[in-house]
Amino acid sequence: CVLGKSDDAAEREAARPLLRDRDAGVRLRTAQGLLAAMRPGREALPVLVELLGEESRAVAWQAEELLRFAAGPGSPEEVLGSHEAKRRERVRAAWRAWWRAN
């Protein structure tokens, strides 16, 4: 998160490989940092979209919150709410469509 939100371009670049880390929490915090710097690039938002499918409620809900912050009023209407697998997939599909459109 700290590397991603840095004003130093080299530090932000060092964070980018962490968007592909095996640990969902690492991917979440990396995307969060890049988003906080208002420099999410093309990599951070799709990572957040994919994190909506995580079984960890904490990770999925935080990813959704960050996406809603980034999208603003244009956010999809679907929300995670319950944490059923079918709902997670519907929400993720809505955000994938949003990403393609925006």
C-alpha atoms as a PDB file:
ATOM      1  CA  CYS A   1       0.000   0.000   0.000  1.00  0.00           C
ATOM      2  CA  VAL A   2       2.768   2.418   0.961  1.00  0.00           C
ATOM      3  CA  LEU A   3       4.772   1.756  -2.210  1.00  0.00           C
ATOM      4  CA  GLY A   4       1.683   2.116  -4.376  1.00  0.00           C
ATOM      5  CA  LYS A   5       0.710   5.511  -3.007  1.00  0.00           C
ATOM      6  CA  SER A   6       4.231   6.905  -3.102  1.00  0.00           C
ATOM      7  CA  ASP A   7       4.971  10.063  -5.072  1.00  0.00           C
ATOM      8  CA  ASP A   8       8.121   8.315  -6.329  1.00  0.00           C
ATOM      9  CA  ALA A   9       7.485   6.642  -9.693  1.00  0.00           C
ATOM     10  CA  ALA A  10      10.136   3.978  -9.036  1.00  0.00           C
ATOM     11  CA  GLU A  11       8.421   2.962  -5.800  1.00  0.00           C
ATOM     12  CA  ARG A  12       5.025   2.754  -7.522  1.00  0.00           C
ATOM     13  CA  GLU A  13       6.616   0.639 -10.229  1.00  0.00           C
ATOM     14  CA  ALA A  14       8.081  -1.658  -7.560  1.00  0.00           C
ATOM     15  CA  ALA A  15       4.547  -2.195  -6.213  1.00  0.00           C
ATOM     16  CA  ARG A  16       2.990  -3.231  -9.524  1.00  0.00           C
ATOM     17  CA  PRO A  17       4.235  -6.868  -9.490  1.00  0.00           C
ATOM     18  CA  LEU A  18       2.476  -7.274  -6.134  1.00  0.00           C
ATOM     19  CA  LEU A  19      -0.852  -6.944  -7.967  1.00  0.00           C
ATOM     20  CA  ARG A  20      -0.211 -10.555  -9.061  1.00  0.00           C
ATOM     21  CA  ASP A  21       0.810 -11.873  -5.639  1.00  0.00           C
ATOM     22  CA  ARG A  22      -0.728 -15.175  -4.525  1.00  0.00           C
ATOM     23  CA  ASP A  23      -2.072 -13.558  -1.356  1.00  0.00           C
ATOM     24  CA  ALA A  24      -5.379 -11.730  -1.894  1.00  0.00           C
ATOM     25  CA  GLY A  25      -4.583  -9.339   0.954  1.00  0.00           C
ATOM     26  CA  VAL A  26      -1.342  -8.278  -0.721  1.00  0.00           C
ATOM     27  CA  ARG A  27      -3.176  -7.687  -4.014  1.00  0.00           C
ATOM     28  CA  LEU A  28      -5.842  -5.678  -2.187  1.00  0.00           C
ATOM     29  CA  ARG A  29      -3.381  -3.425  -0.352  1.00  0.00           C
ATOM     30  CA  THR A  30      -1.288  -2.873  -3.482  1.00  0.00           C
ATOM     31  CA  ALA A  31      -4.340  -1.815  -5.489  1.00  0.00           C
ATOM     32  CA  GLN A  32      -5.448   0.359  -2.570  1.00  0.00           C
ATOM     33  CA  GLY A  33      -2.114   2.169  -2.546  1.00  0.00           C
ATOM     34  CA  LEU A  34      -2.173   2.801  -6.282  1.00  0.00           C
ATOM     35  CA  LEU A  35      -5.737   4.041  -6.033  1.00  0.00           C
ATOM     36  CA  ALA A  36      -4.854   6.339  -3.101  1.00  0.00           C
ATOM     37  CA  ALA A  37      -2.169   7.911  -5.255  1.00  0.00           C
ATOM     38  CA  MET A  38      -4.865   8.510  -7.882  1.00  0.00           C
ATOM     39  CA  ARG A  39      -2.603   6.609 -10.245  1.00  0.00           C
ATOM     40  CA  PRO A  40      -4.314   3.225 -10.400  1.00  0.00           C
ATOM     41  CA  GLY A  41      -3.227   2.623 -13.956  1.00  0.00           C
ATOM     42  CA  ARG A  42      -4.834  -0.093 -15.964  1.00  0.00           C
ATOM     43  CA  GLU A  43      -3.697  -2.760 -13.529  1.00  0.00           C
ATOM     44  CA  ALA A  44      -5.229  -1.889 -10.155  1.00  0.00           C
ATOM     45  CA  LEU A  45      -8.949  -1.652 -10.935  1.00  0.00           C
ATOM     46  CA  PRO A  46      -9.228  -5.054 -12.665  1.00  0.00           C
ATOM     47  CA  VAL A  47      -7.446  -6.606  -9.675  1.00  0.00           C
ATOM     48  CA  LEU A  48     -10.096  -5.128  -7.385  1.00  0.00           C
ATOM     49  CA  VAL A  49     -12.840  -6.475  -9.645  1.00  0.00           C
ATOM     50  CA  GLU A  50     -11.401  -9.977  -9.438  1.00  0.00           C
ATOM     51  CA  LEU A  51     -11.047  -9.717  -5.663  1.00  0.00           C
ATOM     52  CA  LEU A  52     -14.851  -9.471  -5.457  1.00  0.00           C
ATOM     53  CA  GLY A  53     -14.894 -13.224  -5.972  1.00  0.00           C
ATOM     54  CA  GLU A  54     -12.689 -13.984  -2.975  1.00  0.00           C
ATOM     55  CA  GLU A  55     -14.137 -16.229  -0.300  1.00  0.00           C
ATOM     56  CA  SER A  56     -12.774 -13.863   2.336  1.00  0.00           C
ATOM     57  CA  ARG A  57     -15.586 -11.427   3.100  1.00  0.00           C
ATOM     58  CA  ALA A  58     -13.142  -8.863   4.423  1.00  0.00           C
ATOM     59  CA  VAL A  59     -11.152  -8.824   1.176  1.00  0.00           C
ATOM     60  CA  ALA A  60     -14.190  -8.842  -1.118  1.00  0.00           C
ATOM     61  CA  TRP A  61     -16.036  -6.119   0.788  1.00  0.00           C
ATOM     62  CA  GLN A  62     -12.974  -3.867   0.927  1.00  0.00           C
ATOM     63  CA  ALA A  63     -12.420  -4.362  -2.801  1.00  0.00           C
ATOM     64  CA  GLU A  64     -16.040  -3.399  -3.446  1.00  0.00           C
ATOM     65  CA  GLU A  65     -15.702  -0.284  -1.292  1.00  0.00           C
ATOM     66  CA  LEU A  66     -12.581   0.813  -3.193  1.00  0.00           C
ATOM     67  CA  LEU A  67     -14.276   0.188  -6.536  1.00  0.00           C
ATOM     68  CA  ARG A  68     -17.296   2.267  -5.500  1.00  0.00           C
ATOM     69  CA  PHE A  69     -14.942   5.063  -4.443  1.00  0.00           C
ATOM     70  CA  ALA A  70     -13.215   4.940  -7.841  1.00  0.00           C
ATOM     71  CA  ALA A  71     -16.401   4.652  -9.908  1.00  0.00           C
ATOM     72  CA  GLY A  72     -18.462   7.216  -8.038  1.00  0.00           C
ATOM     73  CA  PRO A  73     -22.093   7.639  -9.098  1.00  0.00           C
ATOM     74  CA  GLY A  74     -21.563   5.349 -12.098  1.00  0.00           C
ATOM     75  CA  SER A  75     -21.102   2.261  -9.904  1.00  0.00           C
ATOM     76  CA  PRO A  76     -23.068  -0.874 -10.758  1.00  0.00           C
ATOM     77  CA  GLU A  77     -26.231  -1.365  -8.722  1.00  0.00           C
ATOM     78  CA  GLU A  78     -25.308  -4.929  -7.714  1.00  0.00           C
ATOM     79  CA  VAL A  79     -23.809  -5.147  -4.208  1.00  0.00           C
ATOM     80  CA  LEU A  80     -22.191  -8.022  -2.369  1.00  0.00           C
ATOM     81  CA  GLY A  81     -24.510  -7.979   0.629  1.00  0.00           C
ATOM     82  CA  SER A  82     -24.584 -11.654   1.502  1.00  0.00           C
ATOM     83  CA  HIS A  83     -21.483 -13.586   0.653  1.00  0.00           C
ATOM     84  CA  GLU A  84     -22.991 -16.388  -1.418  1.00  0.00           C
ATOM     85  CA  ALA A  85     -20.870 -17.582  -4.334  1.00  0.00           C
ATOM     86  CA  LYS A  86     -23.642 -16.820  -6.863  1.00  0.00           C
ATOM     87  CA  ARG A  87     -23.994 -13.267  -5.581  1.00  0.00           C
ATOM     88  CA  ARG A  88     -20.217 -12.732  -5.640  1.00  0.00           C
ATOM     89  CA  GLU A  89     -20.177 -13.838  -9.285  1.00  0.00           C
ATOM     90  CA  ARG A  90     -23.118 -11.552 -10.235  1.00  0.00           C
ATOM     91  CA  VAL A  91     -21.414  -8.593  -8.596  1.00  0.00           C
ATOM     92  CA  ARG A  92     -18.099  -9.409 -10.225  1.00  0.00           C
ATOM     93  CA  ALA A  93     -19.817  -9.716 -13.639  1.00  0.00           C
ATOM     94  CA  ALA A  94     -21.451  -6.301 -13.151  1.00  0.00           C
ATOM     95  CA  TRP A  95     -18.087  -4.747 -12.315  1.00  0.00           C
ATOM     96  CA  ARG A  96     -16.408  -6.466 -15.259  1.00  0.00           C
ATOM     97  CA  ALA A  97     -19.034  -4.890 -17.524  1.00  0.00           C
ATOM     98  CA  TRP A  98     -18.439  -1.519 -15.860  1.00  0.00           C
ATOM     99  CA  TRP A  99     -14.683  -1.858 -16.435  1.00  0.00           C
ATOM    100  CA  ARG A 100     -15.149  -2.697 -20.121  1.00  0.00           C
ATOM    101  CA  ALA A 101     -17.474   0.298 -20.548  1.00  0.00           C
ATOM    102  CA  ASN A 102     -15.284   2.743 -18.657  1.00  0.00           C
END
